[in-house]
Amino acid sequence: MTDSLPRVAQKGPYEVAVKAGEKYFWCVCGLSATQPFCDGSHKGTGLKSLIFKAEKDETVWLCGCKATKGQPFCDGSHNAL
């Protein structure tokens, strides 16, 4: 791929309700059509999805700009884009 990755999927976080004990696959590359989750679009880019397991039932804010330092959670990095 010649494009610069990761791509900004959305200039702000995604609000997501997660369930305790469930695994989630967060899109790292920004190419997935099922944001903020991985659909395999990263294949061939050298990037991989980030797997995380929810500790409890809660609402979380997952990064949409892909610039967060606290992957997969939003840390406000989108404000500097």
Protein backbone atom coordinates (compact mmCIF):
# COMPACT_ATOMS: atom_id res chain seq x y z
CA MET A 1 0.00 0.00 0.00
CA THR A 2 1.25 3.43 -0.83
CA ASP A 3 -1.21 5.36 1.34
CA SER A 4 -0.12 6.64 4.70
CA LEU A 5 -1.51 4.40 7.44
CA PRO A 6 -3.22 4.42 9.74
CA ARG A 7 -6.00 6.48 8.20
CA VAL A 8 -8.31 8.68 10.24
CA ALA A 9 -11.61 6.79 10.17
CA GLN A 10 -13.45 9.47 12.13
CA LYS A 11 -12.19 12.65 13.80
CA GLY A 12 -13.62 11.67 17.15
CA PRO A 13 -14.33 8.58 19.25
CA TYR A 14 -16.92 5.85 18.79
CA GLU A 15 -19.26 5.24 21.73
CA VAL A 16 -19.53 1.47 22.20
CA ALA A 17 -21.31 -0.68 24.79
CA VAL A 18 -19.09 -3.65 25.66
CA LYS A 19 -19.92 -6.79 27.62
CA ALA A 20 -17.75 -8.29 30.36
CA GLY A 21 -15.57 -11.15 29.18
CA GLU A 22 -16.16 -10.51 25.44
CA LYS A 23 -13.24 -10.06 23.05
CA TYR A 24 -13.23 -7.14 20.62
CA PHE A 25 -11.02 -6.52 17.60
CA TRP A 26 -10.31 -2.79 17.24
CA CYS A 27 -9.31 -1.53 13.78
CA VAL A 28 -5.78 -0.12 13.88
CA CYS A 29 -5.42 0.78 10.18
CA GLY A 30 -8.53 2.93 9.72
CA LEU A 31 -9.59 1.06 6.57
CA SER A 32 -12.33 -1.15 8.03
CA ALA A 33 -15.90 -0.61 6.82
CA THR A 34 -17.12 -1.79 10.24
CA GLN A 35 -15.45 0.93 12.35
CA PRO A 36 -14.32 0.93 15.04
CA PHE A 37 -13.95 -2.81 14.63
CA CYS A 38 -11.73 -4.78 12.27
CA ASP A 39 -13.10 -6.36 9.09
CA GLY A 40 -9.74 -7.62 7.81
CA SER A 41 -9.06 -4.64 5.52
CA HIS A 42 -5.56 -4.35 7.03
CA LYS A 43 -4.36 -7.47 5.19
CA GLY A 44 -1.19 -6.61 3.27
CA THR A 45 -0.54 -3.38 5.21
CA GLY A 46 1.75 -4.79 7.88
CA LEU A 47 -0.74 -3.74 10.57
CA LYS A 48 -2.91 -6.01 12.74
CA SER A 49 -6.11 -5.43 14.67
CA LEU A 50 -5.81 -4.90 18.40
CA ILE A 51 -7.64 -7.49 20.49
CA PHE A 52 -9.01 -6.43 23.85
CA LYS A 53 -11.27 -8.11 26.38
CA ALA A 54 -13.91 -6.09 28.23
CA GLU A 55 -13.45 -6.19 31.99
CA LYS A 56 -17.07 -5.26 32.72
CA ASP A 57 -20.32 -4.26 31.06
CA GLU A 58 -19.85 -0.58 30.29
CA THR A 59 -19.82 2.11 27.64
CA VAL A 60 -16.37 2.92 26.30
CA TRP A 61 -15.06 5.47 23.82
CA LEU A 62 -12.92 3.81 21.14
CA CYS A 63 -10.51 5.91 19.11
CA GLY A 64 -11.65 6.84 15.61
CA CYS A 65 -8.64 8.91 14.55
CA LYS A 66 -6.18 6.05 15.25
CA ALA A 67 -3.70 8.48 16.89
CA THR A 68 -4.47 7.64 20.53
CA LYS A 69 -1.59 6.68 22.80
CA GLY A 70 -4.00 4.52 24.85
CA GLN A 71 -5.14 2.08 22.19
CA PRO A 72 -7.95 1.27 21.69
CA PHE A 73 -9.43 3.98 23.89
CA CYS A 74 -9.76 7.63 22.96
CA ASP A 75 -7.30 9.94 24.73
CA GLY A 76 -8.34 13.14 22.96
CA SER A 77 -5.57 12.98 20.33
CA HIS A 78 -8.16 13.86 17.66
CA ASN A 79 -8.23 17.41 19.05
CA ALA A 80 -4.72 17.98 17.66
CA LEU A 81 -5.51 16.79 14.13
